[in-house]
Amino acid sequence: MRPRGKLEDGGRAAPLRTCVGCRVRTVKSELLRLVVVEGVIVPDRRGRSQGRGAYVHPVLHCLELAERRRAFPRSFRVAGALDVSRLRASLAGLDAE
């Protein structure tokens, strides 16, 4: 039985996180951490920004699923809508590469 919250990855244990879009649990390194800065959801590529974080696969499909499910206000524990335009532009740039 594997330890809870860890995934064996090349003989080393790695932390697991859940994508708020597709709800798939995977290794933290495969997901993009998001934080809220003044009502705007921004990517936290270094994983060091303060505040509550949420994780999503770095693809537009998972972002759209999270928006449709209204997962961001729940994940960040905030009331009201959050601006995802900066995040959408960032992910669109990643998909183009």
N, C-alpha and C. Protein backbone atom coordinates (compact mmCIF):
# COMPACT_ATOMS: atom_id res chain seq x y z
N MET A 1 0.84 -1.19 0.00
CA MET A 1 0.00 0.00 0.00
C MET A 1 0.88 1.24 0.00
N ARG A 2 0.57 2.19 -0.87
CA ARG A 2 1.35 3.43 -0.94
C ARG A 2 0.98 4.35 0.20
N PRO A 3 1.96 5.13 0.65
CA PRO A 3 1.64 6.13 1.67
C PRO A 3 0.63 7.13 1.14
N ARG A 4 -0.27 7.53 1.98
CA ARG A 4 -1.30 8.50 1.56
C ARG A 4 -0.68 9.87 1.31
N GLY A 5 -1.05 10.50 0.18
CA GLY A 5 -0.55 11.82 -0.14
C GLY A 5 0.80 11.82 -0.83
N LYS A 6 1.31 10.67 -1.17
CA LYS A 6 2.59 10.59 -1.85
C LYS A 6 2.47 9.61 -3.02
N LEU A 7 3.30 9.81 -4.01
CA LEU A 7 3.31 8.94 -5.17
C LEU A 7 4.75 8.53 -5.41
N GLU A 8 4.98 7.26 -5.61
CA GLU A 8 6.34 6.80 -5.89
C GLU A 8 6.74 7.25 -7.27
N ASP A 9 7.84 7.98 -7.35
CA ASP A 9 8.30 8.55 -8.61
C ASP A 9 9.79 8.30 -8.70
N GLY A 10 10.17 7.25 -9.39
CA GLY A 10 11.58 6.94 -9.56
C GLY A 10 12.25 6.60 -8.23
N GLY A 11 11.53 5.93 -7.33
CA GLY A 11 12.12 5.55 -6.06
C GLY A 11 12.01 6.62 -4.99
N ARG A 12 11.52 7.80 -5.35
CA ARG A 12 11.38 8.89 -4.38
C ARG A 12 9.90 9.21 -4.19
N ALA A 13 9.54 9.57 -3.00
CA ALA A 13 8.16 9.97 -2.73
C ALA A 13 7.97 11.42 -3.18
N ALA A 14 6.85 11.69 -3.82
CA ALA A 14 6.56 13.04 -4.29
C ALA A 14 5.17 13.44 -3.80
N PRO A 15 4.97 14.71 -3.41
CA PRO A 15 3.66 15.13 -2.93
C PRO A 15 2.63 15.15 -4.05
N LEU A 16 1.39 14.83 -3.71
CA LEU A 16 0.29 14.84 -4.65
C LEU A 16 -0.57 16.08 -4.45
N ARG A 17 -1.16 16.56 -5.52
CA ARG A 17 -2.11 17.65 -5.48
C ARG A 17 -3.24 17.30 -6.44
N THR A 18 -4.40 17.95 -6.30
CA THR A 18 -5.55 17.70 -7.16
C THR A 18 -5.81 18.91 -8.04
N CYS A 19 -5.97 18.68 -9.32
CA CYS A 19 -6.31 19.74 -10.27
C CYS A 19 -7.75 20.17 -9.98
N VAL A 20 -7.98 21.47 -9.78
CA VAL A 20 -9.34 21.94 -9.48
C VAL A 20 -10.24 21.90 -10.71
N GLY A 21 -9.67 21.71 -11.89
CA GLY A 21 -10.46 21.61 -13.11
C GLY A 21 -10.96 20.21 -13.36
N CYS A 22 -10.06 19.29 -13.61
CA CYS A 22 -10.44 17.92 -13.96
C CYS A 22 -10.53 16.99 -12.76
N ARG A 23 -10.10 17.46 -11.58
CA ARG A 23 -10.16 16.69 -10.33
C ARG A 23 -9.28 15.44 -10.34
N VAL A 24 -8.21 15.44 -11.12
CA VAL A 24 -7.27 14.32 -11.16
C VAL A 24 -6.13 14.60 -10.19
N ARG A 25 -5.83 13.62 -9.34
CA ARG A 25 -4.70 13.74 -8.42
C ARG A 25 -3.44 13.32 -9.15
N THR A 26 -2.42 14.15 -9.04
CA THR A 26 -1.17 13.85 -9.72
C THR A 26 -0.01 14.48 -8.94
N VAL A 27 1.18 14.23 -9.40
CA VAL A 27 2.38 14.77 -8.76
C VAL A 27 2.36 16.29 -8.86
N LYS A 28 2.72 16.94 -7.77
CA LYS A 28 2.69 18.41 -7.69
C LYS A 28 3.46 19.08 -8.82
N SER A 29 4.55 18.48 -9.26
CA SER A 29 5.40 19.09 -10.29
C SER A 29 4.72 19.16 -11.66
N GLU A 30 3.65 18.40 -11.89
CA GLU A 30 2.93 18.43 -13.16
C GLU A 30 1.83 19.48 -13.18
N LEU A 31 1.59 20.13 -12.05
CA LEU A 31 0.51 21.10 -11.95
C LEU A 31 1.06 22.51 -11.80
N LEU A 32 0.21 23.49 -12.08
CA LEU A 32 0.56 24.89 -11.95
C LEU A 32 -0.15 25.44 -10.72
N ARG A 33 0.60 26.04 -9.81
CA ARG A 33 0.01 26.62 -8.60
C ARG A 33 -0.53 28.01 -8.94
N LEU A 34 -1.71 28.30 -8.43
CA LEU A 34 -2.36 29.58 -8.65
C LEU A 34 -2.59 30.27 -7.32
N VAL A 35 -2.52 31.58 -7.31
CA VAL A 35 -2.82 32.38 -6.13
C VAL A 35 -3.67 33.57 -6.56
N VAL A 36 -4.32 34.20 -5.58
CA VAL A 36 -5.13 35.39 -5.85
C VAL A 36 -4.38 36.61 -5.35
N VAL A 37 -4.20 37.59 -6.24
CA VAL A 37 -3.57 38.86 -5.91
C VAL A 37 -4.55 39.96 -6.28
N GLU A 38 -5.12 40.60 -5.28
CA GLU A 38 -6.08 41.70 -5.48
C GLU A 38 -7.22 41.32 -6.42
N GLY A 39 -7.81 40.15 -6.21
CA GLY A 39 -8.96 39.71 -6.99
C GLY A 39 -8.64 39.12 -8.34
N VAL A 40 -7.37 38.96 -8.65
CA VAL A 40 -6.94 38.41 -9.95
C VAL A 40 -6.19 37.10 -9.68
N ILE A 41 -6.57 36.05 -10.40
CA ILE A 41 -5.86 34.77 -10.27
C ILE A 41 -4.61 34.84 -11.13
N VAL A 42 -3.47 34.60 -10.51
CA VAL A 42 -2.20 34.66 -11.23
C VAL A 42 -1.43 33.36 -11.03
N PRO A 43 -0.64 32.94 -12.02
CA PRO A 43 0.18 31.74 -11.84
C PRO A 43 1.33 32.01 -10.89
N ASP A 44 1.63 31.04 -10.07
CA ASP A 44 2.75 31.11 -9.13
C ASP A 44 3.75 30.04 -9.56
N ARG A 45 4.51 30.33 -10.58
CA ARG A 45 5.42 29.34 -11.17
C ARG A 45 6.50 28.86 -10.21
N ARG A 46 6.94 29.71 -9.30
CA ARG A 46 7.97 29.31 -8.34
C ARG A 46 7.39 28.61 -7.13
N GLY A 47 6.08 28.75 -6.93
CA GLY A 47 5.43 28.07 -5.80
C GLY A 47 5.74 28.69 -4.46
N ARG A 48 6.07 29.97 -4.43
CA ARG A 48 6.49 30.59 -3.19
C ARG A 48 5.66 31.80 -2.78
N SER A 49 4.66 32.16 -3.57
CA SER A 49 3.83 33.31 -3.22
C SER A 49 3.01 33.01 -1.97
N GLN A 50 2.73 34.06 -1.22
CA GLN A 50 1.95 33.90 0.00
C GLN A 50 0.49 33.70 -0.34
N GLY A 51 -0.22 33.13 0.58
CA GLY A 51 -1.66 32.97 0.43
C GLY A 51 -2.05 31.57 0.04
N ARG A 52 -3.34 31.37 0.03
CA ARG A 52 -3.91 30.07 -0.29
C ARG A 52 -3.69 29.79 -1.77
N GLY A 53 -3.29 28.60 -2.08
CA GLY A 53 -3.03 28.21 -3.46
C GLY A 53 -4.01 27.16 -3.95
N ALA A 54 -4.16 27.09 -5.25
CA ALA A 54 -4.94 26.05 -5.91
C ALA A 54 -4.09 25.56 -7.08
N TYR A 55 -4.33 24.35 -7.50
CA TYR A 55 -3.52 23.75 -8.55
C TYR A 55 -4.38 23.38 -9.74
N VAL A 56 -3.82 23.54 -10.94
CA VAL A 56 -4.50 23.20 -12.18
C VAL A 56 -3.44 22.70 -13.18
N HIS A 57 -3.85 21.79 -14.05
CA HIS A 57 -2.94 21.39 -15.13
C HIS A 57 -2.70 22.61 -16.02
N PRO A 58 -1.51 22.80 -16.53
CA PRO A 58 -1.22 24.01 -17.34
C PRO A 58 -1.76 23.92 -18.76
N VAL A 59 -3.07 23.65 -18.89
CA VAL A 59 -3.74 23.61 -20.19
C VAL A 59 -5.07 24.36 -20.08
N LEU A 60 -5.52 24.93 -21.18
CA LEU A 60 -6.77 25.69 -21.17
C LEU A 60 -7.98 24.84 -20.83
N HIS A 61 -7.97 23.57 -21.21
CA HIS A 61 -9.11 22.69 -20.94
C HIS A 61 -9.41 22.62 -19.44
N CYS A 62 -8.40 22.45 -18.63
CA CYS A 62 -8.61 22.35 -17.18
C CYS A 62 -9.04 23.70 -16.60
N LEU A 63 -8.52 24.78 -17.14
CA LEU A 63 -8.96 26.11 -16.69
C LEU A 63 -10.44 26.30 -16.98
N GLU A 64 -10.88 25.92 -18.18
CA GLU A 64 -12.28 26.05 -18.54
C GLU A 64 -13.17 25.17 -17.66
N LEU A 65 -12.72 23.96 -17.36
CA LEU A 65 -13.47 23.09 -16.46
C LEU A 65 -13.61 23.71 -15.07
N ALA A 66 -12.54 24.28 -14.58
CA ALA A 66 -12.57 24.90 -13.25
C ALA A 66 -13.53 26.09 -13.23
N GLU A 67 -13.54 26.87 -14.30
CA GLU A 67 -14.47 28.00 -14.38
C GLU A 67 -15.92 27.51 -14.43
N ARG A 68 -16.16 26.50 -15.24
CA ARG A 68 -17.51 25.96 -15.39
C ARG A 68 -18.02 25.38 -14.07
N ARG A 69 -17.15 24.75 -13.33
CA ARG A 69 -17.51 24.15 -12.04
C ARG A 69 -17.54 25.16 -10.90
N ARG A 70 -17.14 26.41 -11.19
CA ARG A 70 -17.03 27.47 -10.17
C ARG A 70 -16.12 27.02 -9.03
N ALA A 71 -15.01 26.43 -9.39
CA ALA A 71 -14.08 25.87 -8.41
C ALA A 71 -13.17 26.91 -7.77
N PHE A 72 -12.88 28.00 -8.45
CA PHE A 72 -11.92 28.96 -7.91
C PHE A 72 -12.39 29.66 -6.64
N PRO A 73 -13.62 30.18 -6.59
CA PRO A 73 -14.04 30.80 -5.32
C PRO A 73 -14.02 29.81 -4.15
N ARG A 74 -14.38 28.57 -4.40
CA ARG A 74 -14.33 27.54 -3.33
C ARG A 74 -12.89 27.25 -2.93
N SER A 75 -12.02 27.07 -3.92
CA SER A 75 -10.63 26.72 -3.62
C SER A 75 -9.90 27.81 -2.86
N PHE A 76 -10.16 29.05 -3.25
CA PHE A 76 -9.48 30.17 -2.61
C PHE A 76 -10.24 30.71 -1.40
N ARG A 77 -11.45 30.17 -1.19
CA ARG A 77 -12.30 30.59 -0.07
C ARG A 77 -12.57 32.10 -0.09
N VAL A 78 -13.01 32.58 -1.23
CA VAL A 78 -13.39 33.98 -1.38
C VAL A 78 -14.80 34.05 -1.95
N ALA A 79 -15.49 35.13 -1.64
CA ALA A 79 -16.83 35.34 -2.18
C ALA A 79 -16.73 36.17 -3.46
N GLY A 80 -17.58 35.87 -4.40
CA GLY A 80 -17.61 36.66 -5.62
C GLY A 80 -16.73 36.09 -6.72
N ALA A 81 -16.81 36.74 -7.86
CA ALA A 81 -16.07 36.30 -9.04
C ALA A 81 -14.61 36.75 -8.98
N LEU A 82 -13.75 35.96 -9.60
CA LEU A 82 -12.33 36.29 -9.69
C LEU A 82 -11.97 36.46 -11.16
N ASP A 83 -11.02 37.33 -11.43
CA ASP A 83 -10.58 37.61 -12.80
C ASP A 83 -9.55 36.56 -13.23
N VAL A 84 -9.85 35.84 -14.31
CA VAL A 84 -8.94 34.81 -14.81
C VAL A 84 -8.29 35.20 -16.12
N SER A 85 -8.45 36.45 -16.55
CA SER A 85 -7.94 36.86 -17.86
C SER A 85 -6.42 36.74 -17.95
N ARG A 86 -5.71 37.12 -16.90
CA ARG A 86 -4.24 37.03 -16.91
C ARG A 86 -3.79 35.57 -16.97
N LEU A 87 -4.47 34.71 -16.23
CA LEU A 87 -4.16 33.29 -16.24
C LEU A 87 -4.47 32.68 -17.61
N ARG A 88 -5.60 33.04 -18.18
CA ARG A 88 -5.97 32.53 -19.51
C ARG A 88 -4.92 32.93 -20.55
N ALA A 89 -4.46 34.17 -20.51
CA ALA A 89 -3.43 34.64 -21.45
C ALA A 89 -2.13 33.87 -21.25
N SER A 90 -1.79 33.61 -20.01
CA SER A 90 -0.57 32.88 -19.71
C SER A 90 -0.65 31.44 -20.24
N LEU A 91 -1.80 30.79 -20.04
CA LEU A 91 -1.95 29.41 -20.52
C LEU A 91 -2.06 29.36 -22.03
N ALA A 92 -2.66 30.35 -22.64
CA ALA A 92 -2.73 30.40 -24.11
C ALA A 92 -1.33 30.50 -24.70
N GLY A 93 -0.46 31.24 -24.04
CA GLY A 93 0.93 31.35 -24.48
C GLY A 93 1.67 30.04 -24.35
N LEU A 94 1.38 29.28 -23.30
CA LEU A 94 2.01 27.97 -23.12
C LEU A 94 1.53 26.98 -24.16
N ASP A 95 0.22 27.01 -24.49
CA ASP A 95 -0.32 26.09 -25.49
C ASP A 95 0.22 26.38 -26.88
N ALA A 96 0.55 27.64 -27.15
CA ALA A 96 1.05 28.00 -28.47
C ALA A 96 2.47 27.50 -28.71
N GLU A 97 3.22 27.29 -27.62
CA GLU A 97 4.62 26.87 -27.76
C GLU A 97 4.76 25.44 -28.12
